[in-house]
Amino acid sequence: MIAVIGDIHGCFFTLKALFEKITEKYPGIEIYTVGDLVDRGNFSYDVIKYVIKNNIKITPGNHDYMFYHFFKDPSSVFARSWFFNGNEPTLLSYEDHQKEMFEHIDFIKQAPLYYNLDDCFISHAGISSNYEKYLPENFRDNLELLAPFIEADINTDRGVMWTRDPLLNLGKLQIVGHTKQPDVTFVEDSNAVYIDTGACVGNKLSAVIVEKSNIIDTLDVKTELKDII
């Protein structure tokens, strides 16, 4: 059994409240997040510091990769895109934390693009159904067959950080963020659950508790206004 938290986007106080709610109800549970730790909200530095301190496992989101590439590969598409995607609050949050900033972007780069777990498959935006035509019929028996496609398409709009395509049914529950929903939303055809519930736009931060591809609980907290105002 694990917990998976949706897109955080610099909402530190909201994250702290949800983390405490999860650990109070499920002591010792392993906690993951679908990424987008940074941008939009006011406390990206504090979010990543808290994630590292509390051993929350991440799959990086497109905003996290834009942050990384802005400093490490400034000519890349990720770096150029960051100017148009809410980077100002992130830069402000690191104004007095230059040393930690480079530690944090290395932490992002070292994170896996997905987790293929017994309980579920976790990534930021999900696995596009576009890949099905390239895969053998029995690909669900070995989901590591997806790895070359995930790596090859990291910069494309159908990739695991960007896609808005209908998602591929992987034969196990797929947990994603990226595409905002008013509430945690399960899509039966793709056996996928969308857990970005718009913390950074004042809605709420959500998490699902999952065991063997079953959602056994959903927890959320309303966005703390100081995170976004």
Protein backbone atom coordinates (compact mmCIF):
# COMPACT_ATOMS: atom_id res chain seq x y z
CA MET A 1 0.00 0.00 0.00
CA ILE A 2 1.31 3.44 -0.96
CA ALA A 3 0.19 7.09 -1.07
CA VAL A 4 0.59 9.28 -4.15
CA ILE A 5 0.29 13.08 -4.00
CA GLY A 6 -0.71 15.25 -6.96
CA ASP A 7 1.01 18.30 -8.46
CA ILE A 8 2.28 20.55 -5.65
CA HIS A 9 3.50 23.65 -7.53
CA GLY A 10 5.21 25.49 -4.71
CA CYS A 11 2.31 25.10 -2.26
CA PHE A 12 4.42 24.25 0.77
CA PHE A 13 1.93 24.81 3.58
CA THR A 14 -0.71 22.85 1.69
CA LEU A 15 1.74 19.99 1.13
CA LYS A 16 2.69 19.95 4.82
CA ALA A 17 -0.98 19.75 5.84
CA LEU A 18 -1.69 16.89 3.41
CA PHE A 19 1.46 14.99 4.38
CA GLU A 20 0.49 15.17 8.04
CA LYS A 21 -3.05 14.06 7.21
CA ILE A 22 -1.70 11.03 5.30
CA THR A 23 0.82 9.99 7.94
CA GLU A 24 -1.67 10.41 10.79
CA LYS A 25 -4.14 8.07 9.09
CA TYR A 26 -1.54 5.69 7.57
CA PRO A 27 1.57 5.73 9.80
CA GLY A 28 4.71 4.53 8.03
CA ILE A 29 3.15 4.47 4.56
CA GLU A 30 5.51 5.03 1.61
CA ILE A 31 4.66 8.32 -0.11
CA TYR A 32 5.20 9.33 -3.74
CA THR A 33 4.31 12.37 -5.82
CA VAL A 34 3.68 12.78 -9.54
CA GLY A 35 5.93 15.86 -9.69
CA ASP A 36 5.59 19.50 -10.61
CA LEU A 37 7.05 20.47 -7.28
CA VAL A 38 7.93 23.97 -8.48
CA ASP A 39 6.42 27.08 -10.13
CA ARG A 40 3.07 28.88 -9.72
CA GLY A 41 3.02 28.83 -5.90
CA ASN A 42 5.31 30.86 -3.64
CA PHE A 43 7.45 28.22 -1.91
CA SER A 44 9.20 25.95 -4.40
CA TYR A 45 12.41 25.91 -2.35
CA ASP A 46 10.53 24.88 0.79
CA VAL A 47 8.58 22.20 -1.09
CA ILE A 48 11.69 20.44 -2.42
CA LYS A 49 13.46 20.74 0.93
CA TYR A 50 10.42 19.15 2.63
CA VAL A 51 10.15 16.39 0.02
CA ILE A 52 13.80 15.46 0.48
CA LYS A 53 13.63 15.64 4.30
CA ASN A 54 10.56 13.39 4.42
CA ASN A 55 11.77 10.90 1.80
CA ILE A 56 8.84 11.52 -0.55
CA LYS A 57 9.69 9.79 -3.81
CA ILE A 58 9.15 11.86 -6.95
CA THR A 59 8.70 11.46 -10.65
CA PRO A 60 9.71 14.81 -12.14
CA GLY A 61 7.12 16.90 -13.89
CA ASN A 62 7.60 19.18 -16.88
CA HIS A 63 7.92 22.21 -14.56
CA ASP A 64 10.66 20.47 -12.58
CA TYR A 65 12.56 19.68 -15.78
CA MET A 66 12.15 23.24 -17.04
CA PHE A 67 13.70 24.44 -13.76
CA TYR A 68 16.59 22.00 -14.11
CA HIS A 69 17.30 22.75 -17.77
CA PHE A 70 17.16 26.52 -17.30
CA PHE A 71 20.41 26.28 -15.35
CA LYS A 72 21.98 23.13 -16.80
CA ASP A 73 21.01 23.26 -20.49
CA PRO A 74 19.73 26.79 -21.24
CA SER A 75 19.37 26.25 -25.00
CA SER A 76 16.98 23.29 -24.57
CA VAL A 77 13.25 23.36 -25.24
CA PHE A 78 12.61 22.82 -21.52
CA ALA A 79 14.68 25.87 -20.58
CA ARG A 80 13.09 28.12 -23.19
CA SER A 81 9.61 27.04 -22.14
CA TRP A 82 10.20 28.01 -18.51
CA PHE A 83 9.85 31.73 -19.25
CA PHE A 84 6.17 31.18 -20.08
CA ASN A 85 5.27 28.76 -17.30
CA GLY A 86 5.30 30.53 -13.96
CA ASN A 87 9.03 30.57 -13.20
CA GLU A 88 9.13 33.90 -11.33
CA PRO A 89 7.93 32.59 -7.93
CA THR A 90 10.47 29.76 -8.14
CA LEU A 91 13.36 32.13 -8.75
CA LEU A 92 12.21 34.34 -5.90
CA SER A 93 11.96 31.39 -3.52
CA TYR A 94 15.63 30.52 -4.18
CA GLU A 95 16.92 34.09 -3.91
CA ASP A 96 18.68 33.36 -0.61
CA HIS A 97 19.34 29.67 -1.30
CA GLN A 98 21.77 29.52 -4.21
CA LYS A 99 23.75 26.53 -2.93
CA GLU A 100 20.61 24.52 -2.18
CA MET A 101 19.16 25.37 -5.58
CA PHE A 102 21.83 23.38 -7.39
CA GLU A 103 21.45 20.51 -4.93
CA HIS A 104 17.72 20.54 -5.62
CA ILE A 105 18.03 20.54 -9.41
CA ASP A 106 20.41 17.60 -9.16
CA PHE A 107 17.82 15.83 -7.00
CA ILE A 108 15.24 16.42 -9.77
CA LYS A 109 17.53 15.11 -12.50
CA GLN A 110 18.35 11.94 -10.55
CA ALA A 111 14.67 11.06 -10.03
CA PRO A 112 13.20 8.29 -12.24
CA LEU A 113 10.75 9.26 -14.98
CA TYR A 114 8.32 6.61 -13.75
CA TYR A 115 7.75 3.97 -11.09
CA ASN A 116 6.47 0.59 -12.18
CA LEU A 117 5.34 -0.78 -8.81
CA ASP A 118 3.34 -3.81 -7.77
CA ASP A 119 0.56 -1.45 -6.66
CA CYS A 120 0.47 0.89 -9.67
CA PHE A 121 2.40 2.73 -12.39
CA ILE A 122 3.30 6.35 -11.54
CA SER A 123 4.46 9.10 -13.89
CA HIS A 124 3.82 12.80 -14.32
CA ALA A 125 1.59 13.02 -17.41
CA GLY A 126 1.13 9.33 -18.24
CA ILE A 127 1.81 6.91 -21.08
CA SER A 128 0.15 7.99 -24.31
CA SER A 129 -2.12 5.49 -26.06
CA ASN A 130 -0.19 6.46 -29.21
CA TYR A 131 2.45 3.90 -28.27
CA GLU A 132 0.15 0.89 -28.46
CA LYS A 133 0.65 0.42 -32.20
CA TYR A 134 4.40 0.04 -31.68
CA LEU A 135 4.18 -2.51 -28.86
CA PRO A 136 3.68 -6.30 -28.93
CA GLU A 137 0.28 -7.59 -27.87
CA ASN A 138 1.68 -8.98 -24.64
CA PHE A 139 3.48 -5.74 -23.59
CA ARG A 140 1.47 -5.65 -20.34
CA ASP A 141 3.45 -8.67 -19.17
CA ASN A 142 6.63 -6.58 -19.30
CA LEU A 143 6.03 -2.86 -18.92
CA GLU A 144 9.76 -2.21 -19.14
CA LEU A 145 9.19 -2.41 -22.90
CA LEU A 146 7.91 1.16 -22.52
CA ALA A 147 11.29 2.48 -21.38
CA PRO A 148 12.79 3.22 -24.83
CA PHE A 149 9.67 5.17 -25.86
CA ILE A 150 9.67 7.16 -22.63
CA GLU A 151 13.33 8.09 -23.03
CA ALA A 152 13.07 8.90 -26.75
CA ASP A 153 10.06 11.19 -26.34
CA ILE A 154 11.15 13.10 -23.26
CA ASN A 155 11.04 16.42 -25.17
CA THR A 156 7.89 15.83 -27.21
CA ASP A 157 4.27 16.74 -26.54
CA ARG A 158 3.30 13.05 -26.36
CA GLY A 159 6.03 12.31 -23.82
CA VAL A 160 5.63 11.25 -20.23
CA MET A 161 5.93 14.83 -18.92
CA TRP A 162 3.71 16.60 -21.44
CA THR A 163 1.06 14.36 -22.99
CA ARG A 164 -2.62 15.25 -22.99
CA ASP A 165 -3.46 12.18 -25.10
CA PRO A 166 -5.84 9.49 -23.87
CA LEU A 167 -3.66 7.16 -21.83
CA LEU A 168 -2.64 3.61 -22.61
CA ASN A 169 -4.26 0.90 -20.47
CA LEU A 170 -1.24 -0.73 -18.85
CA GLY A 171 -3.07 -3.59 -17.19
CA LYS A 172 -2.55 -1.95 -13.80
CA LEU A 173 -3.66 1.35 -12.30
CA GLN A 174 -1.83 4.32 -13.82
CA ILE A 175 -1.51 7.40 -11.57
CA VAL A 176 -0.80 10.76 -13.18
CA GLY A 177 -1.00 14.50 -12.66
CA HIS A 178 -0.35 17.28 -15.20
CA THR A 179 -3.94 17.66 -16.44
CA LYS A 180 -5.92 19.56 -13.81
CA GLN A 181 -9.23 18.18 -12.60
CA PRO A 182 -11.62 19.64 -10.01
CA ASP A 183 -11.48 16.33 -8.12
CA VAL A 184 -9.51 13.10 -8.32
CA THR A 185 -10.80 11.55 -11.54
CA PHE A 186 -10.70 7.91 -12.61
CA VAL A 187 -10.89 7.07 -16.34
CA GLU A 188 -12.05 3.50 -16.78
CA ASP A 189 -10.94 2.93 -20.39
CA SER A 190 -7.33 3.68 -19.60
CA ASN A 191 -7.45 2.45 -15.99
CA ALA A 192 -5.89 5.77 -15.01
CA VAL A 193 -6.49 8.21 -12.19
CA TYR A 194 -5.74 11.93 -12.51
CA ILE A 195 -4.72 13.49 -9.21
CA ASP A 196 -3.72 17.08 -10.07
CA THR A 197 -6.60 18.96 -8.43
CA GLY A 198 -5.29 22.48 -8.92
CA ALA A 199 -3.59 23.35 -5.64
CA CYS A 200 -1.84 26.25 -7.37
CA VAL A 201 -5.12 27.78 -8.57
CA GLY A 202 -6.73 27.72 -5.14
CA ASN A 203 -8.61 24.42 -5.28
CA LYS A 204 -6.97 21.62 -3.30
CA LEU A 205 -4.05 19.21 -3.09
CA SER A 206 -5.06 15.56 -3.29
CA ALA A 207 -3.59 12.14 -2.67
CA VAL A 208 -4.74 8.60 -3.36
CA ILE A 209 -4.02 5.56 -1.22
CA VAL A 210 -3.49 2.56 -3.48
CA GLU A 211 -3.05 -1.15 -3.01
CA LYS A 212 -2.72 -3.66 -5.87
CA SER A 213 -4.29 -1.31 -8.46
CA ASN A 214 -7.20 -0.46 -6.18
CA ILE A 215 -7.85 3.05 -4.88
CA ILE A 216 -8.73 2.43 -1.26
CA ASP A 217 -8.87 6.05 -0.07
CA THR A 218 -8.64 9.65 -1.28
CA LEU A 219 -7.38 12.45 0.94
CA ASP A 220 -7.20 16.17 0.21
CA VAL A 221 -6.70 19.58 1.81
CA LYS A 222 -7.84 22.95 0.57
CA THR A 223 -5.09 25.20 -0.73
CA GLU A 224 -3.57 27.42 1.96
CA LEU A 225 -3.99 30.91 0.52
CA LYS A 226 -0.55 32.06 1.68
CA ASP A 227 0.89 29.54 -0.78
CA ILE A 228 -0.53 31.41 -3.76
CA ILE A 229 -1.19 35.03 -2.72
